[in-house]
Amino acid sequence: MNIVTGTSAPVAQPESTRKGQVRSGIWIELVTIVWMTIEAGVAITVGFATRSVSLKGFGFDSIIELIAGGILLWRLLVEERGGSLERIEQAERRASWVTAISLFVLAIYIVSDSALAFFTRTKPESSWWGIGLAVAAAIGMPLLWKGKLRIAKRIGSAALKADAACSITCGYMSLTLLAGLLLNRLFGWWWADPLAAFGLVYFLVREGREAWHEARTGQTCCCGECD
């Protein structure tokens, strides 16, 4: 199977046009990496400072997506420089295993941390930094999703399509995060934060299942379409 197309047939496209699209993919992955670095740093720092379970979980997920984005950037750079793509298939599958296991472990951590917060009635401090981060992610992630999906279709990249699905999932997660942070900030509902963290688990498990499917079969699925 061709790792670029997800099929055994090559993409019928002029070489110059394809190179231009691959370069666009590289730039959008660079933007993703920069954003995920900032997102992870802010979310984890503020999450621990305010004892927010949902912010910490959001930040750790950003680290996982940062690693995945770095691997995909490397894959695009290999093609852009004219290298063979055959050796990338095995690396991508290994990366999918690592991503899937990491997401499942993160989901278990969030469930445990949220349950502990409910049991001990840990009240997180409200933070405008966290709210601002959630709003920025809710706006920026759909834009990255559209850009990645457009390029993925043009170059026939299943890997980039999967990365686009990760971006829109991050957007959904940011809305869940925002709801929990706002309820805590505006009404003092401390339980909204660990409850929002539980909501993140749904998206983490779905992403994990998709990465597991890709690692096991070599084929990409998205949006809950895995068998």
Protein backbone atom coordinates (compact mmCIF):
# COMPACT_ATOMS: atom_id res chain seq x y z
CA MET A 1 0.00 0.00 0.00
CA ASN A 2 1.27 3.48 -0.86
CA ILE A 3 1.58 5.45 2.37
CA VAL A 4 0.85 8.69 0.55
CA THR A 5 -2.40 7.69 -1.08
CA GLY A 6 -3.60 4.91 1.18
CA THR A 7 -3.97 2.76 -1.95
CA SER A 8 -1.73 0.79 -4.29
CA ALA A 9 -2.07 3.35 -7.08
CA PRO A 10 -0.02 6.55 -7.28
CA VAL A 11 -1.69 9.96 -7.31
CA ALA A 12 -2.01 11.25 -10.88
CA GLN A 13 -0.73 14.81 -10.50
CA PRO A 14 1.92 17.01 -12.18
CA GLU A 15 5.18 16.84 -10.23
CA SER A 16 5.51 20.62 -9.85
CA THR A 17 1.96 20.93 -8.54
CA ARG A 18 2.45 18.11 -6.07
CA LYS A 19 5.70 19.62 -4.77
CA GLY A 20 3.91 22.90 -4.17
CA GLN A 21 1.18 21.15 -2.19
CA VAL A 22 3.75 19.20 -0.17
CA ARG A 23 5.50 22.47 0.71
CA SER A 24 2.16 23.89 1.83
CA GLY A 25 1.73 20.81 4.02
CA ILE A 26 5.16 21.41 5.54
CA TRP A 27 4.30 25.00 6.41
CA ILE A 28 0.98 24.09 7.97
CA GLU A 29 2.67 21.39 10.07
CA LEU A 30 5.25 23.94 11.23
CA VAL A 31 2.40 26.21 12.34
CA THR A 32 0.82 23.24 14.13
CA ILE A 33 4.05 22.40 15.96
CA VAL A 34 4.55 25.99 17.12
CA TRP A 35 0.95 26.23 18.30
CA MET A 36 1.02 22.87 20.10
CA THR A 37 4.23 23.86 21.88
CA ILE A 38 2.60 27.05 23.16
CA GLU A 39 -0.67 25.27 23.95
CA ALA A 40 1.03 22.51 25.93
CA GLY A 41 3.23 24.92 27.86
CA VAL A 42 0.38 27.24 28.86
CA ALA A 43 -2.15 24.49 29.60
CA ILE A 44 0.14 22.36 31.76
CA THR A 45 1.67 25.33 33.63
CA VAL A 46 -1.69 26.96 34.38
CA GLY A 47 -3.31 23.56 34.99
CA PHE A 48 -0.92 22.64 37.78
CA ALA A 49 -0.92 26.18 39.20
CA THR A 50 -4.74 26.26 39.43
CA ARG A 51 -5.25 22.52 40.13
CA SER A 52 -7.38 22.23 36.98
CA VAL A 53 -7.75 18.60 35.88
CA SER A 54 -9.19 19.57 32.48
CA LEU A 55 -6.38 22.01 31.68
CA LYS A 56 -3.70 19.47 32.59
CA GLY A 57 -5.36 16.83 30.42
CA PHE A 58 -5.67 19.28 27.53
CA GLY A 59 -1.98 20.13 27.85
CA PHE A 60 -0.81 16.52 27.91
CA ASP A 61 -2.91 15.81 24.82
CA SER A 62 -1.16 18.74 23.12
CA ILE A 63 2.19 17.06 23.78
CA ILE A 64 0.97 13.87 22.11
CA GLU A 65 -0.27 15.84 19.09
CA LEU A 66 3.03 17.73 19.02
CA ILE A 67 4.93 14.45 18.67
CA ALA A 68 2.54 13.24 15.95
CA GLY A 69 2.91 16.54 14.10
CA GLY A 70 6.69 16.27 14.23
CA ILE A 71 6.60 12.79 12.71
CA LEU A 72 4.29 13.94 9.92
CA LEU A 73 6.54 16.94 9.24
CA TRP A 74 9.46 14.56 8.84
CA ARG A 75 7.43 12.40 6.45
CA LEU A 76 6.56 15.43 4.30
CA LEU A 77 10.16 16.66 4.29
CA VAL A 78 11.36 13.28 3.02
CA GLU A 79 8.98 13.52 0.06
CA GLU A 80 9.80 17.19 -0.55
CA ARG A 81 13.48 16.30 -0.81
CA GLY A 82 12.78 13.49 -3.27
CA GLY A 83 13.39 10.58 -0.91
CA SER A 84 11.70 7.20 -1.10
CA LEU A 85 8.47 6.86 0.87
CA GLU A 86 8.61 3.09 1.37
CA ARG A 87 10.72 3.30 4.53
CA ILE A 88 8.26 5.75 6.07
CA GLU A 89 5.38 3.26 6.24
CA GLN A 90 6.94 1.23 9.03
CA ALA A 91 7.90 4.36 10.97
CA GLU A 92 4.39 5.77 10.65
CA ARG A 93 2.88 2.54 11.91
CA ARG A 94 5.21 2.49 14.91
CA ALA A 95 4.31 6.11 15.59
CA SER A 96 0.64 5.15 15.48
CA TRP A 97 1.24 2.47 18.13
CA VAL A 98 3.00 4.99 20.38
CA THR A 99 0.26 7.57 19.85
CA ALA A 100 -2.55 5.10 20.54
CA ILE A 101 -0.98 3.77 23.75
CA SER A 102 -0.18 7.32 24.92
CA LEU A 103 -3.78 8.44 24.38
CA PHE A 104 -5.18 5.45 26.28
CA VAL A 105 -2.78 6.03 29.18
CA LEU A 106 -3.73 9.73 29.22
CA ALA A 107 -7.42 8.81 29.31
CA ILE A 108 -6.81 6.55 32.33
CA TYR A 109 -4.84 9.32 34.04
CA ILE A 110 -7.62 11.87 33.51
CA VAL A 111 -10.30 9.50 34.79
CA SER A 112 -8.23 8.78 37.92
CA ASP A 113 -7.37 12.46 38.49
CA SER A 114 -10.98 13.54 37.96
CA ALA A 115 -12.31 10.87 40.31
CA LEU A 116 -9.80 11.98 42.95
CA ALA A 117 -10.85 15.61 42.50
CA PHE A 118 -14.51 14.66 43.01
CA PHE A 119 -13.69 12.53 46.06
CA THR A 120 -11.51 15.17 47.73
CA ARG A 121 -13.66 18.07 46.49
CA THR A 122 -10.57 19.80 45.12
CA LYS A 123 -11.62 23.26 43.99
CA PRO A 124 -9.56 24.58 41.07
CA GLU A 125 -8.80 28.28 40.91
CA SER A 126 -10.37 30.18 38.04
CA SER A 127 -7.98 31.37 35.33
CA TRP A 128 -8.43 33.78 32.45
CA TRP A 129 -5.26 32.29 30.94
CA GLY A 130 -6.97 28.94 30.59
CA ILE A 131 -10.13 30.48 29.21
CA GLY A 132 -8.14 32.53 26.68
CA LEU A 133 -6.24 29.41 25.58
CA ALA A 134 -9.48 27.46 25.10
CA VAL A 135 -11.01 30.28 23.03
CA ALA A 136 -7.89 30.53 20.84
CA ALA A 137 -7.87 26.76 20.25
CA ALA A 138 -11.59 26.75 19.44
CA ILE A 139 -10.95 29.36 16.74
CA GLY A 140 -7.59 28.17 15.41
CA MET A 141 -8.06 24.40 15.26
CA PRO A 142 -10.93 24.43 12.72
CA LEU A 143 -8.78 26.65 10.45
CA LEU A 144 -5.88 24.19 10.67
CA TRP A 145 -8.31 21.31 10.06
CA LYS A 146 -9.61 22.88 6.84
CA GLY A 147 -6.11 23.64 5.57
CA LYS A 148 -4.77 20.16 6.30
CA LEU A 149 -7.81 18.44 4.84
CA ARG A 150 -7.57 20.46 1.63
CA ILE A 151 -3.88 19.63 1.14
CA ALA A 152 -4.42 15.98 2.14
CA LYS A 153 -7.02 15.56 -0.60
CA ARG A 154 -4.78 17.22 -3.20
CA ILE A 155 -1.73 15.06 -2.51
CA GLY A 156 -3.69 11.96 -1.47
CA SER A 157 -2.10 11.75 1.98
CA ALA A 158 -3.93 9.50 4.44
CA ALA A 159 -1.50 10.54 7.18
CA LEU A 160 -2.24 14.24 6.72
CA LYS A 161 -5.97 13.49 6.66
CA ALA A 162 -5.62 11.74 10.01
CA ASP A 163 -3.69 14.72 11.37
CA ALA A 164 -6.52 16.98 10.21
CA ALA A 165 -8.92 14.83 12.22
CA CYS A 166 -6.70 15.37 15.27
CA SER A 167 -6.91 19.12 14.78
CA ILE A 168 -10.71 19.23 14.66
CA THR A 169 -10.85 16.89 17.66
CA CYS A 170 -8.64 19.35 19.52
CA GLY A 171 -11.19 22.03 18.58
CA TYR A 172 -14.02 19.98 20.10
CA MET A 173 -11.92 19.37 23.20
CA SER A 174 -11.29 23.10 23.58
CA LEU A 175 -15.04 23.77 23.63
CA THR A 176 -15.50 21.16 26.36
CA LEU A 177 -12.60 22.69 28.27
CA LEU A 178 -14.02 26.20 27.83
CA ALA A 179 -17.40 25.18 29.21
CA GLY A 180 -15.84 23.74 32.37
CA LEU A 181 -13.54 26.73 32.93
CA LEU A 182 -16.32 29.29 32.40
CA LEU A 183 -18.75 27.52 34.73
CA ASN A 184 -16.07 27.49 37.41
CA ARG A 185 -15.10 31.11 36.78
CA LEU A 186 -18.60 32.61 36.55
CA PHE A 187 -20.58 30.50 38.99
CA GLY A 188 -17.93 28.87 41.18
CA TRP A 189 -19.04 25.38 40.10
CA TRP A 190 -15.79 23.61 41.01
CA TRP A 191 -17.17 20.24 39.88
CA ALA A 192 -17.51 21.54 36.30
CA ASP A 193 -13.72 21.27 35.82
CA PRO A 194 -13.32 17.53 36.58
CA LEU A 195 -16.60 16.93 34.75
CA ALA A 196 -15.17 18.66 31.66
CA ALA A 197 -12.06 16.49 32.05
CA PHE A 198 -14.30 13.42 31.87
CA GLY A 199 -15.68 14.89 28.63
CA LEU A 200 -12.14 15.04 27.19
CA VAL A 201 -11.81 11.29 27.73
CA TYR A 202 -14.38 10.62 24.98
CA PHE A 203 -12.23 12.41 22.41
CA LEU A 204 -9.01 10.83 23.67
CA VAL A 205 -10.41 7.31 23.42
CA ARG A 206 -11.77 8.01 19.92
CA GLU A 207 -8.39 9.32 18.78
CA GLY A 208 -6.71 6.34 20.40
CA ARG A 209 -8.97 3.87 18.59
CA GLU A 210 -8.21 5.55 15.26
CA ALA A 211 -4.45 5.46 15.87
CA TRP A 212 -4.73 1.82 16.97
CA HIS A 213 -6.66 0.97 13.79
CA GLU A 214 -3.99 2.63 11.63
CA ALA A 215 -1.17 0.86 13.47
CA ARG A 216 -2.90 -2.52 13.17
CA THR A 217 -4.09 -2.30 9.56
CA GLY A 218 -1.93 0.36 7.96
CA GLN A 219 -5.09 2.22 6.92
CA THR A 220 -6.35 5.51 8.24
CA CYS A 221 -9.84 6.05 9.60
CA CYS A 222 -11.31 9.15 11.12
CA CYS A 223 -14.37 10.57 12.85
CA GLY A 224 -15.30 7.29 14.54
CA GLU A 225 -15.31 5.22 11.35
CA CYS A 226 -12.92 2.53 12.66
CA ASP A 227 -14.16 -1.03 12.68
